Amino acid sequence: AEKVYIVYRRDSLRAEDVNVRSVQNNPKVEIIYNAYPTEIKGQNKVEKLVLDNKRELDVDGVFVAIGREPLTGMLDHLEVEYSDKGEIIVDKYKMTKTPGLFAAGDIIPGVKQALTASAYGVEAVFGIREFNKRKSA
């Protein structure tokens, strides 16, 4: 990716120091503190992420890490399929029916464990890479 945004609702990242420093020192990563996404915009694909402070980010994809309680309201206007348990349905690459919108972790069907959620995240990263390859071809 040319640019990665981390939108974080608190004023500091809660992670291991080595991981925080790695992200903070990466020139491709911009951390936006004290904000949260309210809307994803696009025509047949993801194009913008709108934050609660009304800032709009130009994006090609969105990876949502939402914690324990699934807050999927921002996806209501997109073509997203849900299971009978409210989980987001994804393909083998962890992409939803909306091109460029990926989901992983406890928000998708499967085992609800941190290790499994992390593995789903890795699968999503590979899916995003494949999506970007196809998009640029």
C-alpha atoms as a PDB file:
ATOM      1  CA  ALA A   1       0.000   0.000   0.000  1.00  0.00           C
ATOM      2  CA  GLU A   2       1.142   3.542  -0.690  1.00  0.00           C
ATOM      3  CA  LYS A   3      -0.635   4.872   2.396  1.00  0.00           C
ATOM      4  CA  VAL A   4      -2.201   3.239   5.445  1.00  0.00           C
ATOM      5  CA  TYR A   5      -4.437   5.072   7.891  1.00  0.00           C
ATOM      6  CA  ILE A   6      -4.986   3.843  11.416  1.00  0.00           C
ATOM      7  CA  VAL A   7      -8.083   5.517  12.809  1.00  0.00           C
ATOM      8  CA  TYR A   8      -8.037   5.105  16.574  1.00  0.00           C
ATOM      9  CA  ARG A   9     -10.741   6.268  18.965  1.00  0.00           C
ATOM     10  CA  ARG A  10      -8.349   6.948  21.848  1.00  0.00           C
ATOM     11  CA  ASP A  11      -5.428   9.352  22.292  1.00  0.00           C
ATOM     12  CA  SER A  12      -2.726   6.652  22.257  1.00  0.00           C
ATOM     13  CA  LEU A  13      -2.323   3.178  20.821  1.00  0.00           C
ATOM     14  CA  ARG A  14      -2.738   0.279  23.213  1.00  0.00           C
ATOM     15  CA  ALA A  15      -0.219  -2.297  22.046  1.00  0.00           C
ATOM     16  CA  GLU A  16       3.263  -3.570  22.764  1.00  0.00           C
ATOM     17  CA  ASP A  17       5.791  -0.712  22.660  1.00  0.00           C
ATOM     18  CA  VAL A  18       7.798  -2.351  19.892  1.00  0.00           C
ATOM     19  CA  ASN A  19       4.687  -2.551  17.698  1.00  0.00           C
ATOM     20  CA  VAL A  20       3.632   1.023  18.456  1.00  0.00           C
ATOM     21  CA  ARG A  21       7.109   2.341  17.570  1.00  0.00           C
ATOM     22  CA  SER A  22       7.156   0.279  14.379  1.00  0.00           C
ATOM     23  CA  VAL A  23       3.871   1.797  13.227  1.00  0.00           C
ATOM     24  CA  GLN A  24       4.753   5.328  14.333  1.00  0.00           C
ATOM     25  CA  ASN A  25       8.089   5.190  12.488  1.00  0.00           C
ATOM     26  CA  ASN A  26       6.637   3.882   9.234  1.00  0.00           C
ATOM     27  CA  PRO A  27       6.379   6.776   6.732  1.00  0.00           C
ATOM     28  CA  LYS A  28       3.477   5.067   4.949  1.00  0.00           C
ATOM     29  CA  VAL A  29       1.324   4.993   8.086  1.00  0.00           C
ATOM     30  CA  GLU A  30      -0.714   7.927   9.386  1.00  0.00           C
ATOM     31  CA  ILE A  31      -2.327   7.468  12.788  1.00  0.00           C
ATOM     32  CA  ILE A  32      -5.462   9.517  13.370  1.00  0.00           C
ATOM     33  CA  TYR A  33      -6.234   9.659  17.098  1.00  0.00           C
ATOM     34  CA  ASN A  34      -9.510  10.448  18.866  1.00  0.00           C
ATOM     35  CA  ALA A  35     -11.617   9.671  15.811  1.00  0.00           C
ATOM     36  CA  TYR A  36     -13.767   6.889  14.477  1.00  0.00           C
ATOM     37  CA  PRO A  37     -15.252   5.980  11.098  1.00  0.00           C
ATOM     38  CA  THR A  38     -18.882   6.910  10.504  1.00  0.00           C
ATOM     39  CA  GLU A  39     -19.344   6.113   6.835  1.00  0.00           C
ATOM     40  CA  ILE A  40     -17.762   4.334   3.885  1.00  0.00           C
ATOM     41  CA  LYS A  41     -18.458   5.983   0.515  1.00  0.00           C
ATOM     42  CA  GLY A  42     -18.082   4.727  -3.024  1.00  0.00           C
ATOM     43  CA  GLN A  43     -19.797   3.783  -6.256  1.00  0.00           C
ATOM     44  CA  ASN A  44     -19.561  -0.026  -6.614  1.00  0.00           C
ATOM     45  CA  LYS A  45     -16.271   0.005  -4.664  1.00  0.00           C
ATOM     46  CA  VAL A  46     -14.732   1.608  -1.597  1.00  0.00           C
ATOM     47  CA  GLU A  47     -13.524   5.166  -2.321  1.00  0.00           C
ATOM     48  CA  LYS A  48     -13.683   7.228   0.888  1.00  0.00           C
ATOM     49  CA  LEU A  49     -13.793   6.768   4.631  1.00  0.00           C
ATOM     50  CA  VAL A  50     -15.640   9.497   6.556  1.00  0.00           C
ATOM     51  CA  LEU A  51     -14.660  10.148  10.165  1.00  0.00           C
ATOM     52  CA  ASP A  52     -16.727  11.590  12.996  1.00  0.00           C
ATOM     53  CA  ASN A  53     -14.774  14.854  12.698  1.00  0.00           C
ATOM     54  CA  LYS A  54     -16.061  15.085   9.070  1.00  0.00           C
ATOM     55  CA  ARG A  55     -12.597  14.411   7.621  1.00  0.00           C
ATOM     56  CA  GLU A  56     -12.769  12.273   4.472  1.00  0.00           C
ATOM     57  CA  LEU A  57      -9.927   9.935   3.604  1.00  0.00           C
ATOM     58  CA  ASP A  58      -9.364   8.753   0.025  1.00  0.00           C
ATOM     59  CA  VAL A  59      -9.027   4.981   0.343  1.00  0.00           C
ATOM     60  CA  ASP A  60      -9.174   1.898  -1.864  1.00  0.00           C
ATOM     61  CA  GLY A  61     -10.097  -0.469   0.951  1.00  0.00           C
ATOM     62  CA  VAL A  62     -11.048  -0.598   4.601  1.00  0.00           C
ATOM     63  CA  PHE A  63      -9.984  -3.103   7.232  1.00  0.00           C
ATOM     64  CA  VAL A  64     -12.169  -2.799  10.319  1.00  0.00           C
ATOM     65  CA  ALA A  65     -10.969  -3.911  13.751  1.00  0.00           C
ATOM     66  CA  ILE A  66     -13.875  -3.264  16.067  1.00  0.00           C
ATOM     67  CA  GLY A  67     -13.216  -5.153  19.255  1.00  0.00           C
ATOM     68  CA  ARG A  68     -15.789  -7.365  20.897  1.00  0.00           C
ATOM     69  CA  GLU A  69     -19.068  -5.684  19.981  1.00  0.00           C
ATOM     70  CA  PRO A  70     -19.797  -5.586  16.249  1.00  0.00           C
ATOM     71  CA  LEU A  71     -20.676  -2.024  15.278  1.00  0.00           C
ATOM     72  CA  THR A  72     -21.559  -2.424  11.617  1.00  0.00           C
ATOM     73  CA  GLY A  73     -23.967   0.494  11.201  1.00  0.00           C
ATOM     74  CA  MET A  74     -21.510   2.375   8.984  1.00  0.00           C
ATOM     75  CA  LEU A  75     -21.863  -0.438   6.434  1.00  0.00           C
ATOM     76  CA  ASP A  76     -25.649  -0.240   6.129  1.00  0.00           C
ATOM     77  CA  HIS A  77     -25.622   1.560   2.773  1.00  0.00           C
ATOM     78  CA  LEU A  78     -23.129  -0.864   1.220  1.00  0.00           C
ATOM     79  CA  GLU A  79     -23.751  -4.256  -0.299  1.00  0.00           C
ATOM     80  CA  VAL A  80     -22.788  -6.363   2.706  1.00  0.00           C
ATOM     81  CA  GLU A  81     -24.287  -9.738   3.505  1.00  0.00           C
ATOM     82  CA  TYR A  82     -24.810 -10.844   7.106  1.00  0.00           C
ATOM     83  CA  SER A  83     -25.243 -14.274   8.680  1.00  0.00           C
ATOM     84  CA  ASP A  84     -28.205 -14.993  10.926  1.00  0.00           C
ATOM     85  CA  LYS A  85     -25.886 -14.090  13.838  1.00  0.00           C
ATOM     86  CA  GLY A  86     -25.078 -10.655  12.377  1.00  0.00           C
ATOM     87  CA  GLU A  87     -21.612 -11.658  11.165  1.00  0.00           C
ATOM     88  CA  ILE A  88     -20.309 -10.247   7.880  1.00  0.00           C
ATOM     89  CA  ILE A  89     -20.165 -12.810   5.078  1.00  0.00           C
ATOM     90  CA  VAL A  90     -16.845 -12.794   3.192  1.00  0.00           C
ATOM     91  CA  ASP A  91     -15.231 -14.805   0.419  1.00  0.00           C
ATOM     92  CA  LYS A  92     -12.054 -16.887   0.778  1.00  0.00           C
ATOM     93  CA  TYR A  93     -10.004 -13.674   0.521  1.00  0.00           C
ATOM     94  CA  LYS A  94     -12.058 -12.102   3.347  1.00  0.00           C
ATOM     95  CA  MET A  95     -13.646  -9.590   0.944  1.00  0.00           C
ATOM     96  CA  THR A  96     -17.306  -8.673   1.261  1.00  0.00           C
ATOM     97  CA  LYS A  97     -19.631  -8.216  -1.708  1.00  0.00           C
ATOM     98  CA  THR A  98     -18.380  -4.600  -1.897  1.00  0.00           C
ATOM     99  CA  PRO A  99     -15.051  -4.562  -3.795  1.00  0.00           C
ATOM    100  CA  GLY A 100     -12.264  -3.286  -1.543  1.00  0.00           C
ATOM    101  CA  LEU A 101     -14.164  -3.855   1.710  1.00  0.00           C
ATOM    102  CA  PHE A 102     -12.587  -6.635   3.744  1.00  0.00           C
ATOM    103  CA  ALA A 103     -13.582  -8.063   7.111  1.00  0.00           C
ATOM    104  CA  ALA A 104     -11.780 -10.384   9.517  1.00  0.00           C
ATOM    105  CA  GLY A 105     -11.775 -11.474  13.125  1.00  0.00           C
ATOM    106  CA  ASP A 106     -14.829 -11.959  15.282  1.00  0.00           C
ATOM    107  CA  ILE A 107     -17.054 -10.033  12.869  1.00  0.00           C
ATOM    108  CA  ILE A 108     -17.009 -12.918  10.356  1.00  0.00           C
ATOM    109  CA  PRO A 109     -18.328 -16.469  10.800  1.00  0.00           C
ATOM    110  CA  GLY A 110     -15.904 -18.825  12.506  1.00  0.00           C
ATOM    111  CA  VAL A 111     -14.204 -19.523  15.797  1.00  0.00           C
ATOM    112  CA  LYS A 112     -14.200 -16.540  18.174  1.00  0.00           C
ATOM    113  CA  GLN A 113     -10.661 -16.636  19.568  1.00  0.00           C
ATOM    114  CA  ALA A 114      -7.867 -14.064  19.429  1.00  0.00           C
ATOM    115  CA  LEU A 115      -5.512 -16.429  17.627  1.00  0.00           C
ATOM    116  CA  THR A 116      -8.111 -17.291  14.996  1.00  0.00           C
ATOM    117  CA  ALA A 117      -9.085 -13.645  14.584  1.00  0.00           C
ATOM    118  CA  SER A 118      -5.424 -12.813  13.975  1.00  0.00           C
ATOM    119  CA  ALA A 119      -5.186 -15.580  11.383  1.00  0.00           C
ATOM    120  CA  TYR A 120      -8.278 -14.192   9.629  1.00  0.00           C
ATOM    121  CA  GLY A 121      -6.531 -10.819   9.605  1.00  0.00           C
ATOM    122  CA  VAL A 122      -3.497 -12.349   7.897  1.00  0.00           C
ATOM    123  CA  GLU A 123      -5.769 -13.996   5.327  1.00  0.00           C
ATOM    124  CA  ALA A 124      -7.397 -10.610   4.727  1.00  0.00           C
ATOM    125  CA  VAL A 125      -4.006  -9.002   4.137  1.00  0.00           C
ATOM    126  CA  PHE A 126      -3.262 -11.592   1.455  1.00  0.00           C
ATOM    127  CA  GLY A 127      -6.728 -10.960   0.022  1.00  0.00           C
ATOM    128  CA  ILE A 128      -6.084  -7.222  -0.095  1.00  0.00           C
ATOM    129  CA  ARG A 129      -2.774  -7.844  -1.842  1.00  0.00           C
ATOM    130  CA  GLU A 130      -4.470 -10.016  -4.471  1.00  0.00           C
ATOM    131  CA  PHE A 131      -7.233  -7.426  -4.875  1.00  0.00           C
ATOM    132  CA  ASN A 132      -4.661  -4.674  -5.453  1.00  0.00           C
ATOM    133  CA  LYS A 133      -2.748  -6.836  -7.951  1.00  0.00           C
ATOM    134  CA  ARG A 134      -5.929  -7.449  -9.967  1.00  0.00           C
ATOM    135  CA  LYS A 135      -6.874  -3.773  -9.733  1.00  0.00           C
ATOM    136  CA  SER A 136      -3.530  -2.569 -11.076  1.00  0.00           C
ATOM    137  CA  ALA A 137      -3.316  -5.188 -13.846  1.00  0.00           C
END
